[in-house]
Amino acid sequence: MSAVSVGIIGGQPRLDLCYEEDVVADVDMNIVCTGTGDFVEVQGTGEQGVFHRRELDQLVDLGAAGCAVLARAQAAALAASAPAAAASAPPASAARPAPPASAARPAPRASAR
């Protein structure tokens, strides 16, 4: 999951607005996507007035592209840490000790039907 801020400032679409840009944006929008690119949230406001459908489409496309970049970076970071995490994990046999012999359950009986 990733989220970005997009907006229009002086007629120009922008990705990842900082606070100073956000407070002067004509349009301010938040886009949240899953790692596969599906939308979780799209929320936008015409801070200084209305905006057109083509501007909405531009901002949604820009935000989705920004989320895709973040998703690839997250996947790469997780892949890079996977060998280190696997090396520090206890062996599977140590993760769950075998139950004592007295805890063994008897085999189920066959039905007489």
C-alpha atoms as a PDB file:
ATOM      1  CA  MET A   1       0.000   0.000   0.000  1.00  0.00           C
ATOM      2  CA  SER A   2       1.267   3.456  -0.843  1.00  0.00           C
ATOM      3  CA  ALA A   3      -0.076   6.985  -0.811  1.00  0.00           C
ATOM      4  CA  VAL A   4       0.899  10.219  -2.511  1.00  0.00           C
ATOM      5  CA  SER A   5      -0.237  13.804  -2.637  1.00  0.00           C
ATOM      6  CA  VAL A   6      -0.799  15.438  -6.015  1.00  0.00           C
ATOM      7  CA  GLY A   7      -2.017  18.843  -6.953  1.00  0.00           C
ATOM      8  CA  ILE A   8      -2.194  21.650  -9.469  1.00  0.00           C
ATOM      9  CA  ILE A   9      -0.137  24.760  -8.822  1.00  0.00           C
ATOM     10  CA  GLY A  10      -0.161  27.555 -11.375  1.00  0.00           C
ATOM     11  CA  GLY A  11      -1.817  25.269 -13.907  1.00  0.00           C
ATOM     12  CA  GLN A  12       0.881  22.568 -13.558  1.00  0.00           C
ATOM     13  CA  PRO A  13       0.190  19.077 -12.142  1.00  0.00           C
ATOM     14  CA  ARG A  14       2.678  18.138  -9.413  1.00  0.00           C
ATOM     15  CA  LEU A  15       3.466  14.967  -7.516  1.00  0.00           C
ATOM     16  CA  ASP A  16       4.352  14.702  -3.817  1.00  0.00           C
ATOM     17  CA  LEU A  17       3.459  18.180  -2.635  1.00  0.00           C
ATOM     18  CA  CYS A  18       5.370  19.543   0.326  1.00  0.00           C
ATOM     19  CA  TYR A  19       3.499  21.657   2.881  1.00  0.00           C
ATOM     20  CA  GLU A  20       4.390  24.949   1.217  1.00  0.00           C
ATOM     21  CA  GLU A  21       3.055  23.681  -2.122  1.00  0.00           C
ATOM     22  CA  ASP A  22      -0.007  22.070  -0.580  1.00  0.00           C
ATOM     23  CA  VAL A  23      -1.259  25.293   1.029  1.00  0.00           C
ATOM     24  CA  VAL A  24      -1.091  27.264  -2.241  1.00  0.00           C
ATOM     25  CA  ALA A  25      -2.353  24.513  -4.582  1.00  0.00           C
ATOM     26  CA  ASP A  26      -5.336  25.239  -6.797  1.00  0.00           C
ATOM     27  CA  VAL A  27      -6.291  21.563  -6.488  1.00  0.00           C
ATOM     28  CA  ASP A  28      -5.102  19.190  -3.783  1.00  0.00           C
ATOM     29  CA  MET A  29      -5.590  15.425  -3.989  1.00  0.00           C
ATOM     30  CA  ASN A  30      -4.572  12.290  -2.096  1.00  0.00           C
ATOM     31  CA  ILE A  31      -4.231   8.981  -3.918  1.00  0.00           C
ATOM     32  CA  VAL A  32      -3.834   5.653  -2.086  1.00  0.00           C
ATOM     33  CA  CYS A  33      -3.170   2.444  -4.042  1.00  0.00           C
ATOM     34  CA  THR A  34      -2.518  -1.200  -3.309  1.00  0.00           C
ATOM     35  CA  GLY A  35       0.695  -2.814  -4.495  1.00  0.00           C
ATOM     36  CA  THR A  36      -1.155  -4.053  -7.576  1.00  0.00           C
ATOM     37  CA  GLY A  37      -2.352  -0.572  -8.522  1.00  0.00           C
ATOM     38  CA  ASP A  38      -5.955  -0.779  -7.366  1.00  0.00           C
ATOM     39  CA  PHE A  39      -7.321   2.301  -5.640  1.00  0.00           C
ATOM     40  CA  VAL A  40      -8.022   2.425  -1.925  1.00  0.00           C
ATOM     41  CA  GLU A  41      -8.723   6.156  -1.792  1.00  0.00           C
ATOM     42  CA  VAL A  42      -9.035   9.077  -4.168  1.00  0.00           C
ATOM     43  CA  GLN A  43      -9.818  12.322  -2.388  1.00  0.00           C
ATOM     44  CA  GLY A  44      -9.536  15.753  -3.955  1.00  0.00           C
ATOM     45  CA  THR A  45     -10.547  19.331  -3.358  1.00  0.00           C
ATOM     46  CA  GLY A  46     -10.667  22.380  -5.570  1.00  0.00           C
ATOM     47  CA  GLU A  47      -9.019  24.632  -2.991  1.00  0.00           C
ATOM     48  CA  GLN A  48      -9.203  27.783  -5.110  1.00  0.00           C
ATOM     49  CA  GLY A  49     -12.264  26.898  -7.212  1.00  0.00           C
ATOM     50  CA  VAL A  50     -13.389  24.205  -9.596  1.00  0.00           C
ATOM     51  CA  PHE A  51     -11.298  21.852 -11.712  1.00  0.00           C
ATOM     52  CA  HIS A  52     -12.039  20.054 -14.954  1.00  0.00           C
ATOM     53  CA  ARG A  53     -12.412  16.335 -15.636  1.00  0.00           C
ATOM     54  CA  ARG A  54      -9.189  16.303 -17.712  1.00  0.00           C
ATOM     55  CA  GLU A  55      -7.321  17.743 -14.698  1.00  0.00           C
ATOM     56  CA  LEU A  56      -8.850  15.074 -12.469  1.00  0.00           C
ATOM     57  CA  ASP A  57      -7.705  12.393 -14.938  1.00  0.00           C
ATOM     58  CA  GLN A  58      -4.200  13.910 -15.045  1.00  0.00           C
ATOM     59  CA  LEU A  59      -3.920  13.949 -11.257  1.00  0.00           C
ATOM     60  CA  VAL A  60      -5.258  10.405 -10.853  1.00  0.00           C
ATOM     61  CA  ASP A  61      -2.782   9.157 -13.497  1.00  0.00           C
ATOM     62  CA  LEU A  62       0.083  11.077 -11.873  1.00  0.00           C
ATOM     63  CA  GLY A  63      -0.825   9.780  -8.417  1.00  0.00           C
ATOM     64  CA  ALA A  64      -1.157   6.189  -9.623  1.00  0.00           C
ATOM     65  CA  ALA A  65       2.262   6.445 -11.304  1.00  0.00           C
ATOM     66  CA  GLY A  66       3.754   7.791  -8.063  1.00  0.00           C
ATOM     67  CA  CYS A  67       2.182   4.957  -6.070  1.00  0.00           C
ATOM     68  CA  ALA A  68       3.604   2.434  -8.572  1.00  0.00           C
ATOM     69  CA  VAL A  69       7.112   3.828  -8.033  1.00  0.00           C
ATOM     70  CA  LEU A  70       6.650   3.503  -4.268  1.00  0.00           C
ATOM     71  CA  ALA A  71       5.266  -0.047  -4.616  1.00  0.00           C
ATOM     72  CA  ARG A  72       8.336  -1.110  -6.638  1.00  0.00           C
ATOM     73  CA  ALA A  73      10.643   0.466  -4.034  1.00  0.00           C
ATOM     74  CA  GLN A  74       8.784  -1.317  -1.226  1.00  0.00           C
ATOM     75  CA  ALA A  75       8.983  -4.661  -3.048  1.00  0.00           C
ATOM     76  CA  ALA A  76      12.720  -4.193  -3.659  1.00  0.00           C
ATOM     77  CA  ALA A  77      13.320  -3.312   0.001  1.00  0.00           C
ATOM     78  CA  LEU A  78      11.377  -6.366   1.171  1.00  0.00           C
ATOM     79  CA  ALA A  79      13.209  -8.633  -1.274  1.00  0.00           C
ATOM     80  CA  ALA A  80      16.569  -7.279  -0.121  1.00  0.00           C
ATOM     81  CA  SER A  81      15.686  -7.890   3.532  1.00  0.00           C
ATOM     82  CA  ALA A  82      14.225 -11.369   2.957  1.00  0.00           C
ATOM     83  CA  PRO A  83      17.582 -13.239   2.967  1.00  0.00           C
ATOM     84  CA  ALA A  84      18.650 -11.443   6.139  1.00  0.00           C
ATOM     85  CA  ALA A  85      15.333 -12.198   7.827  1.00  0.00           C
ATOM     86  CA  ALA A  86      15.498 -15.858   6.773  1.00  0.00           C
ATOM     87  CA  ALA A  87      19.057 -16.175   8.099  1.00  0.00           C
ATOM     88  CA  SER A  88      18.071 -14.845  11.515  1.00  0.00           C
ATOM     89  CA  ALA A  89      14.884 -16.957  11.827  1.00  0.00           C
ATOM     90  CA  PRO A  90      15.064 -20.137  13.897  1.00  0.00           C
ATOM     91  CA  PRO A  91      14.953 -23.419  11.961  1.00  0.00           C
ATOM     92  CA  ALA A  92      11.445 -24.741  11.282  1.00  0.00           C
ATOM     93  CA  SER A  93      11.999 -27.695  13.651  1.00  0.00           C
ATOM     94  CA  ALA A  94      12.810 -25.269  16.475  1.00  0.00           C
ATOM     95  CA  ALA A  95       9.780 -23.118  15.832  1.00  0.00           C
ATOM     96  CA  ARG A  96       7.298 -25.671  17.202  1.00  0.00           C
ATOM     97  CA  PRO A  97       8.489 -28.480  19.464  1.00  0.00           C
ATOM     98  CA  ALA A  98       6.955 -31.892  18.904  1.00  0.00           C
ATOM     99  CA  PRO A  99       4.160 -32.787  21.353  1.00  0.00           C
ATOM    100  CA  PRO A 100       4.998 -35.368  24.013  1.00  0.00           C
ATOM    101  CA  ALA A 101       4.134 -38.973  23.169  1.00  0.00           C
ATOM    102  CA  SER A 102       1.397 -38.973  25.807  1.00  0.00           C
ATOM    103  CA  ALA A 103      -0.406 -36.233  23.857  1.00  0.00           C
ATOM    104  CA  ALA A 104      -0.756 -38.402  20.753  1.00  0.00           C
ATOM    105  CA  ARG A 105      -4.387 -38.954  19.759  1.00  0.00           C
ATOM    106  CA  PRO A 106      -5.730 -42.384  18.936  1.00  0.00           C
ATOM    107  CA  ALA A 107      -6.625 -43.036  15.308  1.00  0.00           C
ATOM    108  CA  PRO A 108     -10.315 -42.468  14.497  1.00  0.00           C
ATOM    109  CA  ARG A 109     -12.473 -45.602  14.296  1.00  0.00           C
ATOM    110  CA  ALA A 110     -13.991 -46.681  11.019  1.00  0.00           C
ATOM    111  CA  SER A 111     -17.721 -46.073  10.707  1.00  0.00           C
ATOM    112  CA  ALA A 112     -20.004 -49.143  10.756  1.00  0.00           C
ATOM    113  CA  ARG A 113     -22.297 -47.734   8.042  1.00  0.00           C
END
